[in-house]
Amino acid sequence: MNNKAKTAEEFFKKELGALTEKEKHVLQHLRDKEPISRNVHAETAEQLTFGQKVADKVAAFGGSWPFIIIFLCILLSWIALNTYLLLNHRKTFDPYPFILLNLVLSMLAALQAPVIMMSQNRQAEHDRKDAEHDYEVNLKAELEIMALNEKIDELRTQQWEQLMQAQRDQINKLLDLEKALRLSEGKNLPAEDKP
């Protein structure tokens, strides 16, 4: 079994062939000790077409307070001007019930809605890619933590074995010292005290 297959078995608890493409990608980065994180926003921004950039700007402006305030001012000005002209018995360019205004609003809504939806669809795709990247980074981090825990456990086991061996060596030395002490005490005893 090669090292890659062993790593797959160890961390993913499945065979190398059963791994998904993302898991294989993460495993490769893990084995090569390469970072997996990258700036997904910058990658996506480089790939945007002119139309997508315009859609994003329209959606950003169309969903802002400045757009609402400007649009409200235009509507109120349109209505006020036509009402003023009507009350002064002059010809208005859009008499009440403001059919031309309704047409302009309908055309604006008809154009703005698909552009905003394009931007939202692109943003949803971007969010999906971002989530996939987050999954890869989190998976690699989890695997790295598991590997670190394994190394710490190995070190702890080695240290425990070394401590136990040192303790056995010390006990043996103490027993040797005790024997040597008894022998030396036996030699120093007077002849009548020796057994």
N, C-alpha and C. Protein backbone atom coordinates (compact mmCIF):
# COMPACT_ATOMS: atom_id res chain seq x y z
N MET A 1 0.86 -1.19 0.00
CA MET A 1 0.00 0.00 0.00
C MET A 1 0.90 1.24 0.00
N ASN A 2 0.64 2.15 -0.92
CA ASN A 2 1.49 3.34 -0.98
C ASN A 2 1.10 4.33 0.11
N ASN A 3 1.91 5.36 0.25
CA ASN A 3 1.72 6.34 1.32
C ASN A 3 0.40 7.08 1.18
N LYS A 4 0.02 7.42 -0.06
CA LYS A 4 -1.23 8.16 -0.30
C LYS A 4 -2.43 7.30 0.12
N ALA A 5 -2.41 6.03 -0.24
CA ALA A 5 -3.50 5.13 0.12
C ALA A 5 -3.56 4.94 1.63
N LYS A 6 -2.39 4.86 2.25
CA LYS A 6 -2.33 4.71 3.72
C LYS A 6 -2.92 5.93 4.40
N THR A 7 -2.57 7.12 3.89
CA THR A 7 -3.11 8.36 4.45
C THR A 7 -4.62 8.43 4.28
N ALA A 8 -5.11 8.00 3.11
CA ALA A 8 -6.56 8.00 2.86
C ALA A 8 -7.26 7.07 3.85
N GLU A 9 -6.69 5.89 4.06
CA GLU A 9 -7.27 4.93 5.01
C GLU A 9 -7.27 5.51 6.42
N GLU A 10 -6.14 6.13 6.76
CA GLU A 10 -5.95 6.61 8.12
C GLU A 10 -6.89 7.77 8.47
N PHE A 11 -6.97 8.76 7.56
CA PHE A 11 -7.73 9.97 7.88
C PHE A 11 -9.18 9.92 7.43
N PHE A 12 -9.45 9.34 6.27
CA PHE A 12 -10.80 9.35 5.74
C PHE A 12 -11.56 8.07 6.06
N LYS A 13 -10.86 7.07 6.54
CA LYS A 13 -11.46 5.77 6.87
C LYS A 13 -12.14 5.14 5.66
N LYS A 14 -11.56 5.39 4.47
CA LYS A 14 -12.03 4.73 3.26
C LYS A 14 -10.87 4.62 2.29
N GLU A 15 -11.05 3.75 1.30
CA GLU A 15 -9.98 3.51 0.34
C GLU A 15 -9.78 4.70 -0.57
N LEU A 16 -8.60 4.77 -1.16
CA LEU A 16 -8.24 5.89 -2.03
C LEU A 16 -9.24 6.05 -3.18
N GLY A 17 -9.67 4.96 -3.77
CA GLY A 17 -10.61 5.01 -4.89
C GLY A 17 -11.99 5.51 -4.49
N ALA A 18 -12.33 5.43 -3.20
CA ALA A 18 -13.66 5.85 -2.74
C ALA A 18 -13.71 7.33 -2.37
N LEU A 19 -12.57 8.01 -2.45
CA LEU A 19 -12.54 9.43 -2.10
C LEU A 19 -13.16 10.28 -3.20
N THR A 20 -13.79 11.37 -2.80
CA THR A 20 -14.31 12.33 -3.79
C THR A 20 -13.14 13.14 -4.34
N GLU A 21 -13.40 13.88 -5.41
CA GLU A 21 -12.35 14.69 -6.01
C GLU A 21 -11.84 15.74 -5.02
N LYS A 22 -12.74 16.33 -4.24
CA LYS A 22 -12.34 17.33 -3.26
C LYS A 22 -11.44 16.71 -2.19
N GLU A 23 -11.81 15.50 -1.74
CA GLU A 23 -11.00 14.82 -0.73
C GLU A 23 -9.62 14.47 -1.29
N LYS A 24 -9.56 14.04 -2.54
CA LYS A 24 -8.27 13.75 -3.18
C LYS A 24 -7.44 15.03 -3.29
N HIS A 25 -8.11 16.12 -3.65
CA HIS A 25 -7.42 17.41 -3.77
C HIS A 25 -6.83 17.82 -2.42
N VAL A 26 -7.62 17.70 -1.36
CA VAL A 26 -7.16 18.06 -0.02
C VAL A 26 -6.03 17.12 0.41
N LEU A 27 -6.19 15.84 0.12
CA LEU A 27 -5.17 14.85 0.48
C LEU A 27 -3.84 15.17 -0.20
N GLN A 28 -3.90 15.57 -1.46
CA GLN A 28 -2.67 15.91 -2.19
C GLN A 28 -1.98 17.10 -1.53
N HIS A 29 -2.75 18.12 -1.17
CA HIS A 29 -2.18 19.29 -0.51
C HIS A 29 -1.62 18.93 0.86
N LEU A 30 -2.29 18.02 1.54
CA LEU A 30 -1.83 17.58 2.86
C LEU A 30 -0.50 16.85 2.74
N ARG A 31 -0.41 15.93 1.78
CA ARG A 31 0.82 15.15 1.60
C ARG A 31 1.97 16.04 1.14
N ASP A 32 1.69 17.02 0.27
CA ASP A 32 2.74 17.90 -0.24
C ASP A 32 3.07 19.03 0.72
N LYS A 33 2.32 19.10 1.82
CA LYS A 33 2.48 20.16 2.83
C LYS A 33 2.37 21.54 2.19
N GLU A 34 1.38 21.69 1.31
CA GLU A 34 1.12 22.96 0.63
C GLU A 34 -0.13 23.61 1.22
N PRO A 35 -0.16 24.93 1.25
CA PRO A 35 -1.40 25.58 1.70
C PRO A 35 -2.51 25.37 0.68
N ILE A 36 -3.72 25.28 1.15
CA ILE A 36 -4.85 25.07 0.25
C ILE A 36 -5.68 26.34 0.11
N SER A 37 -5.51 27.25 1.05
CA SER A 37 -6.33 28.47 1.01
C SER A 37 -5.88 29.37 -0.13
N ARG A 38 -6.84 30.06 -0.68
CA ARG A 38 -6.58 31.00 -1.76
C ARG A 38 -7.67 32.07 -1.72
N ASN A 39 -7.47 33.15 -2.44
CA ASN A 39 -8.43 34.24 -2.46
C ASN A 39 -9.45 33.98 -3.56
N VAL A 40 -10.57 33.39 -3.19
CA VAL A 40 -11.61 33.05 -4.16
C VAL A 40 -12.21 34.31 -4.77
N HIS A 41 -12.32 35.37 -3.98
CA HIS A 41 -12.90 36.62 -4.49
C HIS A 41 -12.05 37.20 -5.62
N ALA A 42 -10.73 37.17 -5.44
CA ALA A 42 -9.84 37.72 -6.48
C ALA A 42 -9.91 36.86 -7.74
N GLU A 43 -9.94 35.54 -7.58
CA GLU A 43 -10.05 34.65 -8.74
C GLU A 43 -11.33 34.91 -9.52
N THR A 44 -12.43 35.08 -8.79
CA THR A 44 -13.73 35.31 -9.43
C THR A 44 -13.76 36.68 -10.11
N ALA A 45 -13.19 37.69 -9.45
CA ALA A 45 -13.20 39.05 -10.01
C ALA A 45 -12.43 39.10 -11.33
N GLU A 46 -11.37 38.31 -11.44
CA GLU A 46 -10.59 38.30 -12.68
C GLU A 46 -11.36 37.68 -13.84
N GLN A 47 -12.31 36.81 -13.54
CA GLN A 47 -13.04 36.08 -14.58
C GLN A 47 -14.34 36.76 -15.00
N LEU A 48 -14.70 37.87 -14.38
CA LEU A 48 -15.96 38.54 -14.68
C LEU A 48 -15.94 39.16 -16.08
N THR A 49 -17.05 38.99 -16.78
CA THR A 49 -17.20 39.64 -18.08
C THR A 49 -17.69 41.07 -17.87
N PHE A 50 -17.68 41.86 -18.93
CA PHE A 50 -18.15 43.23 -18.85
C PHE A 50 -19.61 43.27 -18.40
N GLY A 51 -20.44 42.39 -18.99
CA GLY A 51 -21.86 42.34 -18.63
C GLY A 51 -22.08 42.00 -17.17
N GLN A 52 -21.27 41.08 -16.63
CA GLN A 52 -21.42 40.72 -15.22
C GLN A 52 -21.01 41.87 -14.31
N LYS A 53 -19.97 42.61 -14.71
CA LYS A 53 -19.56 43.77 -13.91
C LYS A 53 -20.66 44.84 -13.91
N VAL A 54 -21.27 45.07 -15.10
CA VAL A 54 -22.36 46.05 -15.19
C VAL A 54 -23.54 45.58 -14.34
N ALA A 55 -23.88 44.30 -14.42
CA ALA A 55 -25.00 43.76 -13.64
C ALA A 55 -24.76 43.96 -12.15
N ASP A 56 -23.53 43.73 -11.71
CA ASP A 56 -23.21 43.93 -10.29
C ASP A 56 -23.36 45.39 -9.88
N LYS A 57 -22.90 46.30 -10.73
CA LYS A 57 -22.99 47.72 -10.40
C LYS A 57 -24.45 48.19 -10.40
N VAL A 58 -25.25 47.72 -11.37
CA VAL A 58 -26.67 48.07 -11.41
C VAL A 58 -27.38 47.53 -10.18
N ALA A 59 -27.09 46.27 -9.83
CA ALA A 59 -27.74 45.66 -8.65
C ALA A 59 -27.32 46.39 -7.38
N ALA A 60 -26.04 46.77 -7.29
CA ALA A 60 -25.57 47.48 -6.10
C ALA A 60 -26.23 48.85 -5.98
N PHE A 61 -26.34 49.56 -7.11
CA PHE A 61 -26.95 50.88 -7.06
C PHE A 61 -28.48 50.77 -6.92
N GLY A 62 -29.09 49.81 -7.62
CA GLY A 62 -30.55 49.65 -7.57
C GLY A 62 -31.07 49.23 -6.20
N GLY A 63 -30.21 48.68 -5.37
CA GLY A 63 -30.62 48.28 -4.03
C GLY A 63 -30.05 49.17 -2.95
N SER A 64 -29.84 50.44 -3.29
CA SER A 64 -29.24 51.36 -2.31
C SER A 64 -30.18 52.52 -1.99
N TRP A 65 -29.92 53.18 -0.87
CA TRP A 65 -30.72 54.33 -0.49
C TRP A 65 -30.56 55.50 -1.46
N PRO A 66 -29.38 55.75 -1.98
CA PRO A 66 -29.29 56.84 -2.96
C PRO A 66 -30.21 56.62 -4.16
N PHE A 67 -30.31 55.37 -4.66
CA PHE A 67 -31.21 55.09 -5.77
C PHE A 67 -32.66 55.38 -5.38
N ILE A 68 -33.05 54.93 -4.21
CA ILE A 68 -34.44 55.13 -3.75
C ILE A 68 -34.73 56.63 -3.62
N ILE A 69 -33.82 57.38 -3.04
CA ILE A 69 -34.04 58.82 -2.84
C ILE A 69 -34.09 59.55 -4.18
N ILE A 70 -33.14 59.25 -5.07
CA ILE A 70 -33.12 59.89 -6.40
C ILE A 70 -34.40 59.55 -7.17
N PHE A 71 -34.76 58.27 -7.14
CA PHE A 71 -35.95 57.83 -7.88
C PHE A 71 -37.21 58.47 -7.29
N LEU A 72 -37.30 58.56 -5.99
CA LEU A 72 -38.45 59.20 -5.34
C LEU A 72 -38.52 60.69 -5.72
N CYS A 73 -37.38 61.37 -5.76
CA CYS A 73 -37.35 62.78 -6.17
C CYS A 73 -37.81 62.95 -7.62
N ILE A 74 -37.37 62.06 -8.50
CA ILE A 74 -37.79 62.14 -9.91
C ILE A 74 -39.29 61.92 -10.02
N LEU A 75 -39.82 60.91 -9.33
CA LEU A 75 -41.27 60.65 -9.36
C LEU A 75 -42.07 61.84 -8.85
N LEU A 76 -41.67 62.36 -7.70
CA LEU A 76 -42.39 63.49 -7.12
C LEU A 76 -42.30 64.73 -8.03
N SER A 77 -41.14 64.96 -8.63
CA SER A 77 -40.97 66.10 -9.56
C SER A 77 -41.87 65.92 -10.78
N TRP A 78 -41.90 64.72 -11.32
CA TRP A 78 -42.75 64.41 -12.50
C TRP A 78 -44.21 64.71 -12.17
N ILE A 79 -44.66 64.18 -11.04
CA ILE A 79 -46.06 64.37 -10.65
C ILE A 79 -46.34 65.85 -10.37
N ALA A 80 -45.44 66.51 -9.63
CA ALA A 80 -45.64 67.92 -9.28
C ALA A 80 -45.68 68.80 -10.53
N LEU A 81 -44.78 68.59 -11.46
CA LEU A 81 -44.73 69.40 -12.68
C LEU A 81 -46.00 69.23 -13.51
N ASN A 82 -46.44 67.98 -13.70
CA ASN A 82 -47.65 67.74 -14.49
C ASN A 82 -48.89 68.24 -13.79
N THR A 83 -48.94 68.15 -12.48
CA THR A 83 -50.09 68.68 -11.74
C THR A 83 -50.10 70.21 -11.83
N TYR A 84 -48.97 70.86 -11.68
CA TYR A 84 -48.87 72.31 -11.78
C TYR A 84 -49.33 72.79 -13.17
N LEU A 85 -48.84 72.12 -14.21
CA LEU A 85 -49.24 72.51 -15.57
C LEU A 85 -50.74 72.30 -15.79
N LEU A 86 -51.29 71.24 -15.25
CA LEU A 86 -52.71 70.94 -15.41
C LEU A 86 -53.56 72.00 -14.67
N LEU A 87 -53.14 72.38 -13.48
CA LEU A 87 -53.90 73.37 -12.70
C LEU A 87 -53.83 74.77 -13.33
N ASN A 88 -52.81 75.08 -14.05
CA ASN A 88 -52.65 76.38 -14.70
C ASN A 88 -53.16 76.36 -16.14
N HIS A 89 -53.94 75.36 -16.46
CA HIS A 89 -54.59 75.22 -17.77
C HIS A 89 -53.58 75.23 -18.93
N ARG A 90 -52.48 74.64 -18.70
CA ARG A 90 -51.50 74.47 -19.77
C ARG A 90 -51.48 73.03 -20.19
N LYS A 91 -50.91 72.80 -21.35
CA LYS A 91 -50.82 71.44 -21.85
C LYS A 91 -49.73 70.70 -21.08
N THR A 92 -50.05 69.53 -20.57
CA THR A 92 -49.06 68.71 -19.84
C THR A 92 -48.54 67.63 -20.76
N PHE A 93 -47.30 67.19 -20.50
CA PHE A 93 -46.73 66.13 -21.33
C PHE A 93 -47.18 64.75 -20.84
N ASP A 94 -47.73 64.66 -19.60
CA ASP A 94 -48.25 63.39 -19.08
C ASP A 94 -49.39 63.69 -18.13
N PRO A 95 -50.61 63.93 -18.69
CA PRO A 95 -51.74 64.29 -17.82
C PRO A 95 -52.13 63.13 -16.90
N TYR A 96 -52.83 63.51 -15.83
CA TYR A 96 -53.33 62.51 -14.88
C TYR A 96 -54.11 61.47 -15.65
N PRO A 97 -53.95 60.23 -15.43
CA PRO A 97 -53.35 59.36 -14.40
C PRO A 97 -51.90 58.99 -14.68
N PHE A 98 -51.15 59.85 -15.34
CA PHE A 98 -49.71 59.69 -15.55
C PHE A 98 -49.37 58.36 -16.25
N ILE A 99 -49.94 58.16 -17.41
CA ILE A 99 -49.73 56.93 -18.18
C ILE A 99 -48.29 56.82 -18.65
N LEU A 100 -47.69 57.93 -19.07
CA LEU A 100 -46.29 57.90 -19.52
C LEU A 100 -45.37 57.52 -18.35
N LEU A 101 -45.68 58.04 -17.15
CA LEU A 101 -44.89 57.68 -15.97
C LEU A 101 -45.01 56.18 -15.68
N ASN A 102 -46.22 55.65 -15.80
CA ASN A 102 -46.41 54.21 -15.59
C ASN A 102 -45.61 53.40 -16.62
N LEU A 103 -45.59 53.88 -17.86
CA LEU A 103 -44.82 53.19 -18.90
C LEU A 103 -43.32 53.22 -18.57
N VAL A 104 -42.81 54.37 -18.15
CA VAL A 104 -41.39 54.49 -17.79
C VAL A 104 -41.06 53.58 -16.61
N LEU A 105 -41.93 53.57 -15.60
CA LEU A 105 -41.70 52.70 -14.43
C LEU A 105 -41.72 51.23 -14.83
N SER A 106 -42.64 50.85 -15.69
CA SER A 106 -42.72 49.45 -16.16
C SER A 106 -41.48 49.07 -16.94
N MET A 107 -41.02 49.98 -17.80
CA MET A 107 -39.80 49.68 -18.58
C MET A 107 -38.59 49.57 -17.65
N LEU A 108 -38.50 50.45 -16.67
CA LEU A 108 -37.38 50.40 -15.73
C LEU A 108 -37.40 49.08 -14.96
N ALA A 109 -38.59 48.70 -14.49
CA ALA A 109 -38.71 47.43 -13.75
C ALA A 109 -38.39 46.24 -14.65
N ALA A 110 -38.85 46.30 -15.91
CA ALA A 110 -38.60 45.20 -16.84
C ALA A 110 -37.12 45.05 -17.14
N LEU A 111 -36.38 46.14 -17.17
CA LEU A 111 -34.94 46.07 -17.43
C LEU A 111 -34.13 45.78 -16.16
N GLN A 112 -34.54 46.38 -15.09
CA GLN A 112 -33.77 46.26 -13.86
C GLN A 112 -33.90 44.86 -13.24
N ALA A 113 -35.05 44.26 -13.29
CA ALA A 113 -35.26 42.95 -12.64
C ALA A 113 -34.34 41.87 -13.22
N PRO A 114 -34.25 41.68 -14.54
CA PRO A 114 -33.35 40.64 -15.04
C PRO A 114 -31.88 40.92 -14.74
N VAL A 115 -31.50 42.21 -14.79
CA VAL A 115 -30.10 42.54 -14.49
C VAL A 115 -29.78 42.20 -13.03
N ILE A 116 -30.68 42.52 -12.14
CA ILE A 116 -30.48 42.19 -10.72
C ILE A 116 -30.47 40.68 -10.53
N MET A 117 -31.34 39.97 -11.23
CA MET A 117 -31.35 38.50 -11.11
C MET A 117 -30.05 37.90 -11.64
N MET A 118 -29.49 38.46 -12.73
CA MET A 118 -28.19 37.98 -13.23
C MET A 118 -27.12 38.15 -12.16
N SER A 119 -27.14 39.29 -11.52
CA SER A 119 -26.15 39.55 -10.48
C SER A 119 -26.34 38.59 -9.30
N GLN A 120 -27.61 38.36 -8.92
CA GLN A 120 -27.88 37.45 -7.81
C GLN A 120 -27.49 36.02 -8.15
N ASN A 121 -27.73 35.59 -9.39
CA ASN A 121 -27.33 34.24 -9.80
C ASN A 121 -25.81 34.09 -9.77
N ARG A 122 -25.12 35.12 -10.25
CA ARG A 122 -23.67 35.09 -10.23
C ARG A 122 -23.16 35.09 -8.80
N GLN A 123 -23.80 35.88 -7.95
CA GLN A 123 -23.41 35.92 -6.53
C GLN A 123 -23.67 34.57 -5.86
N ALA A 124 -24.78 33.92 -6.21
CA ALA A 124 -25.06 32.59 -5.66
C ALA A 124 -24.00 31.58 -6.09
N GLU A 125 -23.57 31.66 -7.34
CA GLU A 125 -22.50 30.79 -7.84
C GLU A 125 -21.20 31.08 -7.10
N HIS A 126 -20.92 32.34 -6.89
CA HIS A 126 -19.73 32.73 -6.14
C HIS A 126 -19.80 32.21 -4.71
N ASP A 127 -20.95 32.33 -4.09
CA ASP A 127 -21.13 31.83 -2.72
C ASP A 127 -20.95 30.31 -2.66
N ARG A 128 -21.41 29.61 -3.70
CA ARG A 128 -21.24 28.16 -3.75
C ARG A 128 -19.76 27.80 -3.83
N LYS A 129 -19.02 28.50 -4.69
CA LYS A 129 -17.57 28.25 -4.81
C LYS A 129 -16.86 28.59 -3.49
N ASP A 130 -17.30 29.66 -2.87
CA ASP A 130 -16.72 30.07 -1.59
C ASP A 130 -16.96 28.99 -0.53
N ALA A 131 -18.17 28.43 -0.51
CA ALA A 131 -18.49 27.37 0.45
C ALA A 131 -17.67 26.11 0.18
N GLU A 132 -17.48 25.78 -1.09
CA GLU A 132 -16.65 24.62 -1.44
C GLU A 132 -15.22 24.83 -0.98
N HIS A 133 -14.71 26.03 -1.20
CA HIS A 133 -13.35 26.33 -0.77
C HIS A 133 -13.24 26.27 0.75
N ASP A 134 -14.23 26.81 1.46
CA ASP A 134 -14.23 26.74 2.92
C ASP A 134 -14.22 25.29 3.39
N TYR A 135 -14.99 24.44 2.71
CA TYR A 135 -15.01 23.01 3.05
C TYR A 135 -13.62 22.40 2.90
N GLU A 136 -12.94 22.72 1.79
CA GLU A 136 -11.60 22.17 1.57
C GLU A 136 -10.63 22.64 2.65
N VAL A 137 -10.67 23.93 2.96
CA VAL A 137 -9.77 24.48 3.98
C VAL A 137 -10.07 23.85 5.34
N ASN A 138 -11.35 23.73 5.68
CA ASN A 138 -11.72 23.13 6.97
C ASN A 138 -11.33 21.66 7.03
N LEU A 139 -11.51 20.94 5.93
CA LEU A 139 -11.14 19.53 5.90
C LEU A 139 -9.64 19.36 6.08
N LYS A 140 -8.86 20.19 5.40
CA LYS A 140 -7.40 20.10 5.53
C LYS A 140 -6.99 20.46 6.96
N ALA A 141 -7.60 21.48 7.52
CA ALA A 141 -7.28 21.86 8.91
C ALA A 141 -7.60 20.72 9.87
N GLU A 142 -8.74 20.09 9.66
CA GLU A 142 -9.12 18.96 10.51
C GLU A 142 -8.11 17.82 10.38
N LEU A 143 -7.69 17.53 9.16
CA LEU A 143 -6.71 16.46 8.95
C LEU A 143 -5.36 16.82 9.58
N GLU A 144 -4.97 18.09 9.45
CA GLU A 144 -3.71 18.53 10.06
C GLU A 144 -3.78 18.38 11.58
N ILE A 145 -4.91 18.73 12.16
CA ILE A 145 -5.08 18.60 13.61
C ILE A 145 -5.03 17.14 14.02
N MET A 146 -5.67 16.28 13.23
CA MET A 146 -5.61 14.84 13.53
C MET A 146 -4.17 14.35 13.47
N ALA A 147 -3.41 14.80 12.46
CA ALA A 147 -2.02 14.38 12.33
C ALA A 147 -1.19 14.89 13.51
N LEU A 148 -1.44 16.13 13.93
CA LEU A 148 -0.72 16.68 15.08
C LEU A 148 -1.05 15.90 16.35
N ASN A 149 -2.34 15.57 16.53
CA ASN A 149 -2.72 14.78 17.69
C ASN A 149 -2.03 13.43 17.70
N GLU A 150 -1.92 12.83 16.54
CA GLU A 150 -1.25 11.54 16.41
C GLU A 150 0.23 11.67 16.78
N LYS A 151 0.88 12.72 16.29
CA LYS A 151 2.29 12.94 16.61
C LYS A 151 2.49 13.18 18.10
N ILE A 152 1.59 13.97 18.69
CA ILE A 152 1.68 14.23 20.13
C ILE A 152 1.50 12.94 20.91
N ASP A 153 0.55 12.10 20.49
CA ASP A 153 0.35 10.81 21.16
C ASP A 153 1.60 9.94 21.05
N GLU A 154 2.23 9.92 19.86
CA GLU A 154 3.46 9.15 19.68
C GLU A 154 4.56 9.66 20.59
N LEU A 155 4.72 10.99 20.65
CA LEU A 155 5.74 11.57 21.52
C LEU A 155 5.47 11.24 22.98
N ARG A 156 4.21 11.32 23.37
CA ARG A 156 3.84 11.02 24.75
C ARG A 156 4.15 9.55 25.08
N THR A 157 3.86 8.66 24.14
CA THR A 157 4.15 7.24 24.34
C THR A 157 5.65 7.01 24.45
N GLN A 158 6.42 7.66 23.57
CA GLN A 158 7.89 7.53 23.63
C GLN A 158 8.43 8.05 24.95
N GLN A 159 7.93 9.21 25.38
CA GLN A 159 8.39 9.77 26.65
C GLN A 159 8.02 8.87 27.82
N TRP A 160 6.83 8.30 27.76
CA TRP A 160 6.38 7.40 28.82
C TRP A 160 7.29 6.18 28.89
N GLU A 161 7.61 5.62 27.72
CA GLU A 161 8.52 4.46 27.67
C GLU A 161 9.90 4.84 28.18
N GLN A 162 10.39 6.02 27.83
CA GLN A 162 11.69 6.47 28.31
C GLN A 162 11.68 6.67 29.82
N LEU A 163 10.59 7.25 30.33
CA LEU A 163 10.48 7.43 31.78
C LEU A 163 10.42 6.08 32.51
N MET A 164 9.69 5.15 31.94
CA MET A 164 9.60 3.82 32.57
C MET A 164 10.96 3.13 32.56
N GLN A 165 11.70 3.26 31.45
CA GLN A 165 13.03 2.66 31.36
C GLN A 165 13.98 3.33 32.35
N ALA A 166 13.91 4.64 32.46
CA ALA A 166 14.75 5.36 33.42
C ALA A 166 14.43 4.93 34.84
N GLN A 167 13.13 4.73 35.11
CA GLN A 167 12.74 4.28 36.44
C GLN A 167 13.27 2.88 36.72
N ARG A 168 13.17 1.99 35.73
CA ARG A 168 13.71 0.63 35.91
C ARG A 168 15.22 0.68 36.14
N ASP A 169 15.91 1.53 35.39
CA ASP A 169 17.36 1.66 35.56
C ASP A 169 17.69 2.17 36.97
N GLN A 170 16.94 3.13 37.44
CA GLN A 170 17.17 3.68 38.77
C GLN A 170 16.90 2.62 39.85
N ILE A 171 15.83 1.85 39.67
CA ILE A 171 15.53 0.79 40.64
C ILE A 171 16.67 -0.24 40.67
N ASN A 172 17.16 -0.61 39.47
CA ASN A 172 18.28 -1.56 39.41
C ASN A 172 19.51 -1.00 40.09
N LYS A 173 19.80 0.28 39.87
CA LYS A 173 20.95 0.91 40.52
C LYS A 173 20.77 0.94 42.04
N LEU A 174 19.56 1.23 42.48
CA LEU A 174 19.29 1.24 43.92
C LEU A 174 19.47 -0.15 44.52
N LEU A 175 19.00 -1.17 43.80
CA LEU A 175 19.19 -2.54 44.28
C LEU A 175 20.67 -2.89 44.33
N ASP A 176 21.43 -2.48 43.30
CA ASP A 176 22.88 -2.71 43.30
C ASP A 176 23.54 -1.99 44.47
N LEU A 177 23.11 -0.76 44.71
CA LEU A 177 23.67 0.00 45.85
C LEU A 177 23.32 -0.67 47.18
N GLU A 178 22.09 -1.17 47.26
CA GLU A 178 21.67 -1.84 48.50
C GLU A 178 22.52 -3.09 48.74
N LYS A 179 22.77 -3.88 47.67
CA LYS A 179 23.62 -5.07 47.79
C LYS A 179 25.03 -4.68 48.21
N ALA A 180 25.54 -3.64 47.54
CA ALA A 180 26.90 -3.19 47.86
C ALA A 180 26.97 -2.69 49.29
N LEU A 181 25.96 -2.01 49.74
CA LEU A 181 25.91 -1.51 51.12
C LEU A 181 25.87 -2.66 52.11
N ARG A 182 25.07 -3.68 51.84
CA ARG A 182 24.99 -4.84 52.73
C ARG A 182 26.32 -5.59 52.78
N LEU A 183 26.93 -5.72 51.61
CA LEU A 183 28.24 -6.40 51.59
C LEU A 183 29.27 -5.61 52.39
N SER A 184 29.27 -4.29 52.19
CA SER A 184 30.25 -3.48 52.92
C SER A 184 29.94 -3.47 54.41
N GLU A 185 28.67 -3.52 54.77
CA GLU A 185 28.31 -3.58 56.20
C GLU A 185 28.74 -4.92 56.79
N GLY A 186 28.59 -5.98 55.99
CA GLY A 186 29.00 -7.32 56.45
C GLY A 186 30.50 -7.41 56.64
N LYS A 187 31.29 -6.74 55.87
CA LYS A 187 32.74 -6.76 56.00
C LYS A 187 33.21 -5.94 57.18
N ASN A 188 32.47 -4.90 57.52
CA ASN A 188 32.87 -4.01 58.60
C ASN A 188 32.43 -4.51 59.97
N LEU A 189 31.66 -5.57 60.03
CA LEU A 189 31.19 -6.07 61.33
C LEU A 189 32.35 -6.79 62.04
N PRO A 190 32.39 -6.74 63.41
CA PRO A 190 33.38 -7.52 64.15
C PRO A 190 33.16 -9.01 63.92
N ALA A 191 34.18 -9.83 64.13
CA ALA A 191 34.13 -11.26 63.83
C ALA A 191 33.04 -11.97 64.60
N GLU A 192 32.80 -11.58 65.90
CA GLU A 192 31.78 -12.26 66.68
C GLU A 192 30.38 -11.93 66.21
N ASP A 193 30.19 -10.76 65.51
CA ASP A 193 28.86 -10.37 65.03
C ASP A 193 28.54 -10.99 63.67
N LYS A 194 29.52 -11.52 62.97
CA LYS A 194 29.27 -12.09 61.65
C LYS A 194 28.53 -13.38 61.81
N PRO A 195 27.60 -13.70 60.98
CA PRO A 195 26.85 -14.95 61.10
C PRO A 195 27.64 -16.17 60.73
